[in-house]
Amino acid sequence: MSASESAGNAVPEALRPLVEQLAALSSEQRTLVLHEAEKAANDAKVRLRPISWESLKAARGAVNLGGNAVEDCNALYDEC
């Protein structure tokens, strides 16, 4: 079995149509599609960065986490 046959078997059957569509593209188009897919995957990742305790304390009271979503929604519409 060649390396290409081995790699071809590693692709799940559900993804074979995608492989065939990519294979039909020119090299430049394929590179562009793969680049855009990587960019979209990176954009979708949650980026967390640490903040200082001072910043966290200063933000206290700026947001309210938890509570009752139904009551909050009703209160919002009752104000209108």
PDB file of N, CA and C in Angstrom:
ATOM      1  N   MET A   1       0.857  -1.180   0.000  1.00  0.00           N
ATOM      2  CA  MET A   1       0.000   0.000   0.000  1.00  0.00           C
ATOM      3  C   MET A   1       0.899   1.238   0.000  1.00  0.00           C
ATOM      4  N   SER A   2       0.622   2.178  -0.893  1.00  0.00           N
ATOM      5  CA  SER A   2       1.426   3.395  -0.979  1.00  0.00           C
ATOM      6  C   SER A   2       1.013   4.383   0.094  1.00  0.00           C
ATOM      7  N   ALA A   3       1.843   5.421   0.271  1.00  0.00           N
ATOM      8  CA  ALA A   3       1.541   6.451   1.275  1.00  0.00           C
ATOM      9  C   ALA A   3       0.265   7.192   0.916  1.00  0.00           C
ATOM     10  N   SER A   4       0.037   7.432  -0.394  1.00  0.00           N
ATOM     11  CA  SER A   4      -1.169   8.155  -0.798  1.00  0.00           C
ATOM     12  C   SER A   4      -2.421   7.318  -0.554  1.00  0.00           C
ATOM     13  N   GLU A   5      -2.320   5.999  -0.771  1.00  0.00           N
ATOM     14  CA  GLU A   5      -3.462   5.139  -0.483  1.00  0.00           C
ATOM     15  C   GLU A   5      -3.746   5.107   1.007  1.00  0.00           C
ATOM     16  N   SER A   6      -2.688   5.054   1.801  1.00  0.00           N
ATOM     17  CA  SER A   6      -2.850   5.054   3.246  1.00  0.00           C
ATOM     18  C   SER A   6      -3.496   6.345   3.711  1.00  0.00           C
ATOM     19  N   ALA A   7      -3.059   7.485   3.165  1.00  0.00           N
ATOM     20  CA  ALA A   7      -3.635   8.775   3.541  1.00  0.00           C
ATOM     21  C   ALA A   7      -5.088   8.864   3.088  1.00  0.00           C
ATOM     22  N   GLY A   8      -5.404   8.322   1.916  1.00  0.00           N
ATOM     23  CA  GLY A   8      -6.769   8.356   1.409  1.00  0.00           C
ATOM     24  C   GLY A   8      -7.730   7.581   2.279  1.00  0.00           C
ATOM     25  N   ASN A   9      -7.256   6.511   2.871  1.00  0.00           N
ATOM     26  CA  ASN A   9      -8.096   5.712   3.749  1.00  0.00           C
ATOM     27  C   ASN A   9      -8.317   6.394   5.095  1.00  0.00           C
ATOM     28  N   ALA A  10      -7.483   7.364   5.431  1.00  0.00           N
ATOM     29  CA  ALA A  10      -7.606   8.044   6.716  1.00  0.00           C
ATOM     30  C   ALA A  10      -8.751   9.059   6.709  1.00  0.00           C
ATOM     31  N   VAL A  11      -9.233   9.428   5.531  1.00  0.00           N
ATOM     32  CA  VAL A  11     -10.309  10.415   5.426  1.00  0.00           C
ATOM     33  C   VAL A  11     -11.646   9.708   5.629  1.00  0.00           C
ATOM     34  N   PRO A  12     -12.449  10.197   6.570  1.00  0.00           N
ATOM     35  CA  PRO A  12     -13.765   9.579   6.764  1.00  0.00           C
ATOM     36  C   PRO A  12     -14.604   9.645   5.488  1.00  0.00           C
ATOM     37  N   GLU A  13     -15.411   8.652   5.291  1.00  0.00           N
ATOM     38  CA  GLU A  13     -16.232   8.552   4.072  1.00  0.00           C
ATOM     39  C   GLU A  13     -17.104   9.790   3.878  1.00  0.00           C
ATOM     40  N   ALA A  14     -17.592  10.366   4.961  1.00  0.00           N
ATOM     41  CA  ALA A  14     -18.447  11.547   4.861  1.00  0.00           C
ATOM     42  C   ALA A  14     -17.707  12.748   4.279  1.00  0.00           C
ATOM     43  N   LEU A  15     -16.374  12.749   4.389  1.00  0.00           N
ATOM     44  CA  LEU A  15     -15.576  13.874   3.880  1.00  0.00           C
ATOM     45  C   LEU A  15     -15.057  13.651   2.462  1.00  0.00           C
ATOM     46  N   ARG A  16     -15.300  12.482   1.894  1.00  0.00           N
ATOM     47  CA  ARG A  16     -14.801  12.194   0.544  1.00  0.00           C
ATOM     48  C   ARG A  16     -15.306  13.198  -0.491  1.00  0.00           C
ATOM     49  N   PRO A  17     -16.586  13.645  -0.449  1.00  0.00           N
ATOM     50  CA  PRO A  17     -17.020  14.653  -1.431  1.00  0.00           C
ATOM     51  C   PRO A  17     -16.225  15.957  -1.310  1.00  0.00           C
ATOM     52  N   LEU A  18     -15.860  16.328  -0.108  1.00  0.00           N
ATOM     53  CA  LEU A  18     -15.052  17.531   0.086  1.00  0.00           C
ATOM     54  C   LEU A  18     -13.670  17.352  -0.527  1.00  0.00           C
ATOM     55  N   VAL A  19     -13.080  16.183  -0.320  1.00  0.00           N
ATOM     56  CA  VAL A  19     -11.772  15.891  -0.910  1.00  0.00           C
ATOM     57  C   VAL A  19     -11.860  15.970  -2.433  1.00  0.00           C
ATOM     58  N   GLU A  20     -12.908  15.433  -3.007  1.00  0.00           N
ATOM     59  CA  GLU A  20     -13.071  15.456  -4.465  1.00  0.00           C
ATOM     60  C   GLU A  20     -13.255  16.885  -4.974  1.00  0.00           C
ATOM     61  N   GLN A  21     -13.995  17.708  -4.227  1.00  0.00           N
ATOM     62  CA  GLN A  21     -14.169  19.106  -4.627  1.00  0.00           C
ATOM     63  C   GLN A  21     -12.842  19.854  -4.553  1.00  0.00           C
ATOM     64  N   LEU A  22     -12.078  19.619  -3.503  1.00  0.00           N
ATOM     65  CA  LEU A  22     -10.772  20.262  -3.396  1.00  0.00           C
ATOM     66  C   LEU A  22      -9.837  19.806  -4.501  1.00  0.00           C
ATOM     67  N   ALA A  23      -9.886  18.543  -4.838  1.00  0.00           N
ATOM     68  CA  ALA A  23      -9.027  18.009  -5.890  1.00  0.00           C
ATOM     69  C   ALA A  23      -9.342  18.625  -7.248  1.00  0.00           C
ATOM     70  N   ALA A  24     -10.584  19.027  -7.450  1.00  0.00           N
ATOM     71  CA  ALA A  24     -10.990  19.613  -8.724  1.00  0.00           C
ATOM     72  C   ALA A  24     -10.507  21.055  -8.881  1.00  0.00           C
ATOM     73  N   LEU A  25     -10.085  21.686  -7.773  1.00  0.00           N
ATOM     74  CA  LEU A  25      -9.627  23.072  -7.828  1.00  0.00           C
ATOM     75  C   LEU A  25      -8.196  23.153  -8.327  1.00  0.00           C
ATOM     76  N   SER A  26      -7.831  24.329  -8.828  1.00  0.00           N
ATOM     77  CA  SER A  26      -6.435  24.557  -9.187  1.00  0.00           C
ATOM     78  C   SER A  26      -5.615  24.640  -7.906  1.00  0.00           C
ATOM     79  N   SER A  27      -4.336  24.522  -8.018  1.00  0.00           N
ATOM     80  CA  SER A  27      -3.461  24.599  -6.860  1.00  0.00           C
ATOM     81  C   SER A  27      -3.630  25.921  -6.124  1.00  0.00           C
ATOM     82  N   GLU A  28      -3.756  27.013  -6.876  1.00  0.00           N
ATOM     83  CA  GLU A  28      -3.909  28.331  -6.272  1.00  0.00           C
ATOM     84  C   GLU A  28      -5.243  28.431  -5.525  1.00  0.00           C
ATOM     85  N   GLN A  29      -6.316  27.934  -6.149  1.00  0.00           N
ATOM     86  CA  GLN A  29      -7.632  27.964  -5.507  1.00  0.00           C
ATOM     87  C   GLN A  29      -7.642  27.103  -4.250  1.00  0.00           C
ATOM     88  N   ARG A  30      -7.012  25.932  -4.336  1.00  0.00           N
ATOM     89  CA  ARG A  30      -6.966  25.026  -3.198  1.00  0.00           C
ATOM     90  C   ARG A  30      -6.217  25.672  -2.034  1.00  0.00           C
ATOM     91  N   THR A  31      -5.096  26.325  -2.337  1.00  0.00           N
ATOM     92  CA  THR A  31      -4.326  27.017  -1.304  1.00  0.00           C
ATOM     93  C   THR A  31      -5.155  28.118  -0.670  1.00  0.00           C
ATOM     94  N   LEU A  32      -5.886  28.880  -1.477  1.00  0.00           N
ATOM     95  CA  LEU A  32      -6.735  29.958  -0.971  1.00  0.00           C
ATOM     96  C   LEU A  32      -7.831  29.406  -0.059  1.00  0.00           C
ATOM     97  N   VAL A  33      -8.487  28.327  -0.481  1.00  0.00           N
ATOM     98  CA  VAL A  33      -9.556  27.721   0.312  1.00  0.00           C
ATOM     99  C   VAL A  33      -9.012  27.216   1.643  1.00  0.00           C
ATOM    100  N   LEU A  34      -7.874  26.542   1.618  1.00  0.00           N
ATOM    101  CA  LEU A  34      -7.294  26.021   2.852  1.00  0.00           C
ATOM    102  C   LEU A  34      -6.866  27.152   3.785  1.00  0.00           C
ATOM    103  N   HIS A  35      -6.318  28.223   3.210  1.00  0.00           N
ATOM    104  CA  HIS A  35      -5.930  29.385   4.012  1.00  0.00           C
ATOM    105  C   HIS A  35      -7.155  30.001   4.686  1.00  0.00           C
ATOM    106  N   GLU A  36      -8.231  30.174   3.943  1.00  0.00           N
ATOM    107  CA  GLU A  36      -9.456  30.758   4.499  1.00  0.00           C
ATOM    108  C   GLU A  36     -10.073  29.850   5.563  1.00  0.00           C
ATOM    109  N   ALA A  37      -9.992  28.537   5.364  1.00  0.00           N
ATOM    110  CA  ALA A  37     -10.520  27.600   6.361  1.00  0.00           C
ATOM    111  C   ALA A  37      -9.721  27.691   7.655  1.00  0.00           C
ATOM    112  N   GLU A  38      -8.398  27.790   7.555  1.00  0.00           N
ATOM    113  CA  GLU A  38      -7.563  27.951   8.747  1.00  0.00           C
ATOM    114  C   GLU A  38      -7.874  29.257   9.453  1.00  0.00           C
ATOM    115  N   LYS A  39      -8.065  30.320   8.672  1.00  0.00           N
ATOM    116  CA  LYS A  39      -8.381  31.628   9.244  1.00  0.00           C
ATOM    117  C   LYS A  39      -9.723  31.564   9.987  1.00  0.00           C
ATOM    118  N   ALA A  40     -10.716  30.955   9.385  1.00  0.00           N
ATOM    119  CA  ALA A  40     -12.033  30.835  10.013  1.00  0.00           C
ATOM    120  C   ALA A  40     -11.953  29.994  11.285  1.00  0.00           C
ATOM    121  N   ALA A  41     -11.168  28.933  11.264  1.00  0.00           N
ATOM    122  CA  ALA A  41     -11.020  28.083  12.448  1.00  0.00           C
ATOM    123  C   ALA A  41     -10.347  28.857  13.576  1.00  0.00           C
ATOM    124  N   ASN A  42      -9.348  29.653  13.244  1.00  0.00           N
ATOM    125  CA  ASN A  42      -8.661  30.446  14.267  1.00  0.00           C
ATOM    126  C   ASN A  42      -9.561  31.539  14.818  1.00  0.00           C
ATOM    127  N   ASP A  43     -10.372  32.150  13.960  1.00  0.00           N
ATOM    128  CA  ASP A  43     -11.288  33.203  14.406  1.00  0.00           C
ATOM    129  C   ASP A  43     -12.360  32.643  15.335  1.00  0.00           C
ATOM    130  N   ALA A  44     -12.700  31.384  15.149  1.00  0.00           N
ATOM    131  CA  ALA A  44     -13.763  30.764  15.937  1.00  0.00           C
ATOM    132  C   ALA A  44     -13.294  30.370  17.340  1.00  0.00           C
ATOM    133  N   LYS A  45     -11.974  30.290  17.524  1.00  0.00           N
ATOM    134  CA  LYS A  45     -11.453  29.899  18.826  1.00  0.00           C
ATOM    135  C   LYS A  45     -11.658  31.033  19.826  1.00  0.00           C
ATOM    136  N   VAL A  46     -11.981  30.654  21.037  1.00  0.00           N
ATOM    137  CA  VAL A  46     -12.122  31.637  22.109  1.00  0.00           C
ATOM    138  C   VAL A  46     -10.724  32.039  22.557  1.00  0.00           C
ATOM    139  N   ARG A  47     -10.489  33.322  22.567  1.00  0.00           N
ATOM    140  CA  ARG A  47      -9.189  33.809  23.002  1.00  0.00           C
ATOM    141  C   ARG A  47      -9.333  34.399  24.403  1.00  0.00           C
ATOM    142  N   LEU A  48      -8.685  33.757  25.335  1.00  0.00           N
ATOM    143  CA  LEU A  48      -8.719  34.221  26.707  1.00  0.00           C
ATOM    144  C   LEU A  48      -7.391  34.881  27.036  1.00  0.00           C
ATOM    145  N   ARG A  49      -7.465  35.956  27.771  1.00  0.00           N
ATOM    146  CA  ARG A  49      -6.235  36.564  28.244  1.00  0.00           C
ATOM    147  C   ARG A  49      -6.435  36.969  29.690  1.00  0.00           C
ATOM    148  N   PRO A  50      -5.406  36.807  30.469  1.00  0.00           N
ATOM    149  CA  PRO A  50      -5.543  37.115  31.893  1.00  0.00           C
ATOM    150  C   PRO A  50      -5.652  38.620  32.129  1.00  0.00           C
ATOM    151  N   ILE A  51      -6.342  38.967  33.210  1.00  0.00           N
ATOM    152  CA  ILE A  51      -6.409  40.362  33.625  1.00  0.00           C
ATOM    153  C   ILE A  51      -5.986  40.424  35.088  1.00  0.00           C
ATOM    154  N   SER A  52      -5.639  41.591  35.519  1.00  0.00           N
ATOM    155  CA  SER A  52      -5.187  41.750  36.900  1.00  0.00           C
ATOM    156  C   SER A  52      -6.386  41.746  37.846  1.00  0.00           C
ATOM    157  N   TRP A  53      -6.125  41.464  39.128  1.00  0.00           N
ATOM    158  CA  TRP A  53      -7.181  41.512  40.134  1.00  0.00           C
ATOM    159  C   TRP A  53      -7.752  42.914  40.236  1.00  0.00           C
ATOM    160  N   GLU A  54      -6.903  43.913  40.055  1.00  0.00           N
ATOM    161  CA  GLU A  54      -7.370  45.290  40.139  1.00  0.00           C
ATOM    162  C   GLU A  54      -8.408  45.576  39.052  1.00  0.00           C
ATOM    163  N   SER A  55      -8.146  45.096  37.856  1.00  0.00           N
ATOM    164  CA  SER A  55      -9.104  45.287  36.765  1.00  0.00           C
ATOM    165  C   SER A  55     -10.400  44.548  37.038  1.00  0.00           C
ATOM    166  N   LEU A  56     -10.278  43.351  37.575  1.00  0.00           N
ATOM    167  CA  LEU A  56     -11.467  42.567  37.899  1.00  0.00           C
ATOM    168  C   LEU A  56     -12.295  43.250  38.975  1.00  0.00           C
ATOM    169  N   LYS A  57     -11.625  43.769  40.004  1.00  0.00           N
ATOM    170  CA  LYS A  57     -12.341  44.476  41.069  1.00  0.00           C
ATOM    171  C   LYS A  57     -13.010  45.734  40.533  1.00  0.00           C
ATOM    172  N   ALA A  58     -12.332  46.434  39.627  1.00  0.00           N
ATOM    173  CA  ALA A  58     -12.903  47.656  39.061  1.00  0.00           C
ATOM    174  C   ALA A  58     -14.144  47.356  38.223  1.00  0.00           C
ATOM    175  N   ALA A  59     -14.197  46.174  37.619  1.00  0.00           N
ATOM    176  CA  ALA A  59     -15.332  45.803  36.770  1.00  0.00           C
ATOM    177  C   ALA A  59     -16.500  45.255  37.575  1.00  0.00           C
ATOM    178  N   ARG A  60     -16.290  45.029  38.854  1.00  0.00           N
ATOM    179  CA  ARG A  60     -17.338  44.467  39.711  1.00  0.00           C
ATOM    180  C   ARG A  60     -18.594  45.342  39.645  1.00  0.00           C
ATOM    181  N   GLY A  61     -19.715  44.721  39.423  1.00  0.00           N
ATOM    182  CA  GLY A  61     -20.968  45.448  39.329  1.00  0.00           C
ATOM    183  C   GLY A  61     -21.307  45.888  37.914  1.00  0.00           C
ATOM    184  N   ALA A  62     -20.354  45.773  36.987  1.00  0.00           N
ATOM    185  CA  ALA A  62     -20.616  46.182  35.604  1.00  0.00           C
ATOM    186  C   ALA A  62     -21.463  45.148  34.876  1.00  0.00           C
ATOM    187  N   VAL A  63     -21.360  43.906  35.286  1.00  0.00           N
ATOM    188  CA  VAL A  63     -22.158  42.848  34.672  1.00  0.00           C
ATOM    189  C   VAL A  63     -22.821  42.035  35.777  1.00  0.00           C
ATOM    190  N   ASN A  64     -23.901  41.379  35.422  1.00  0.00           N
ATOM    191  CA  ASN A  64     -24.610  40.529  36.361  1.00  0.00           C
ATOM    192  C   ASN A  64     -24.755  39.164  35.717  1.00  0.00           C
ATOM    193  N   LEU A  65     -24.068  38.181  36.260  1.00  0.00           N
ATOM    194  CA  LEU A  65     -24.137  36.832  35.715  1.00  0.00           C
ATOM    195  C   LEU A  65     -25.130  36.010  36.518  1.00  0.00           C
ATOM    196  N   GLY A  66     -25.859  35.175  35.834  1.00  0.00           N
ATOM    197  CA  GLY A  66     -26.830  34.336  36.514  1.00  0.00           C
ATOM    198  C   GLY A  66     -28.184  35.020  36.535  1.00  0.00           C
ATOM    199  N   GLY A  67     -29.046  34.574  37.406  1.00  0.00           N
ATOM    200  CA  GLY A  67     -30.366  35.161  37.506  1.00  0.00           C
ATOM    201  C   GLY A  67     -31.389  34.343  36.759  1.00  0.00           C
ATOM    202  N   ASN A  68     -32.525  34.952  36.506  1.00  0.00           N
ATOM    203  CA  ASN A  68     -33.633  34.272  35.869  1.00  0.00           C
ATOM    204  C   ASN A  68     -33.893  34.940  34.517  1.00  0.00           C
ATOM    205  N   ALA A  69     -33.598  34.242  33.459  1.00  0.00           N
ATOM    206  CA  ALA A  69     -33.725  34.805  32.113  1.00  0.00           C
ATOM    207  C   ALA A  69     -35.168  35.175  31.788  1.00  0.00           C
ATOM    208  N   VAL A  70     -36.134  34.389  32.247  1.00  0.00           N
ATOM    209  CA  VAL A  70     -37.542  34.673  31.958  1.00  0.00           C
ATOM    210  C   VAL A  70     -37.955  35.969  32.653  1.00  0.00           C
ATOM    211  N   GLU A  71     -37.601  36.105  33.931  1.00  0.00           N
ATOM    212  CA  GLU A  71     -37.924  37.339  34.650  1.00  0.00           C
ATOM    213  C   GLU A  71     -37.242  38.547  34.017  1.00  0.00           C
ATOM    214  N   ASP A  72     -35.971  38.385  33.625  1.00  0.00           N
ATOM    215  CA  ASP A  72     -35.246  39.492  32.995  1.00  0.00           C
ATOM    216  C   ASP A  72     -35.907  39.904  31.687  1.00  0.00           C
ATOM    217  N   CYS A  73     -36.326  38.922  30.895  1.00  0.00           N
ATOM    218  CA  CYS A  73     -36.978  39.207  29.607  1.00  0.00           C
ATOM    219  C   CYS A  73     -38.313  39.914  29.842  1.00  0.00           C
ATOM    220  N   ASN A  74     -39.095  39.398  30.771  1.00  0.00           N
ATOM    221  CA  ASN A  74     -40.386  40.029  31.080  1.00  0.00           C
ATOM    222  C   ASN A  74     -40.201  41.454  31.569  1.00  0.00           C
ATOM    223  N   ALA A  75     -39.211  41.678  32.424  1.00  0.00           N
ATOM    224  CA  ALA A  75     -38.940  43.018  32.940  1.00  0.00           C
ATOM    225  C   ALA A  75     -38.533  43.962  31.818  1.00  0.00           C
ATOM    226  N   LEU A  76     -37.766  43.456  30.876  1.00  0.00           N
ATOM    227  CA  LEU A  76     -37.330  44.272  29.746  1.00  0.00           C
ATOM    228  C   LEU A  76     -38.539  44.719  28.922  1.00  0.00           C
ATOM    229  N   TYR A  77     -39.453  43.807  28.631  1.00  0.00           N
ATOM    230  CA  TYR A  77     -40.612  44.156  27.819  1.00  0.00           C
ATOM    231  C   TYR A  77     -41.649  44.956  28.604  1.00  0.00           C
ATOM    232  N   ASP A  78     -41.682  44.814  29.919  1.00  0.00           N
ATOM    233  CA  ASP A  78     -42.598  45.603  30.737  1.00  0.00           C
ATOM    234  C   ASP A  78     -42.187  47.068  30.767  1.00  0.00           C
ATOM    235  N   GLU A  79     -40.885  47.346  30.557  1.00  0.00           N
ATOM    236  CA  GLU A  79     -40.392  48.717  30.572  1.00  0.00           C
ATOM    237  C   GLU A  79     -40.828  49.496  29.335  1.00  0.00           C
ATOM    238  N   CYS A  80     -41.132  48.811  28.245  1.00  0.00           N
ATOM    239  CA  CYS A  80     -41.461  49.487  26.973  1.00  0.00           C
ATOM    240  C   CYS A  80     -42.851  50.050  26.970  1.00  0.00           C
TER     241      CYS A  80
END
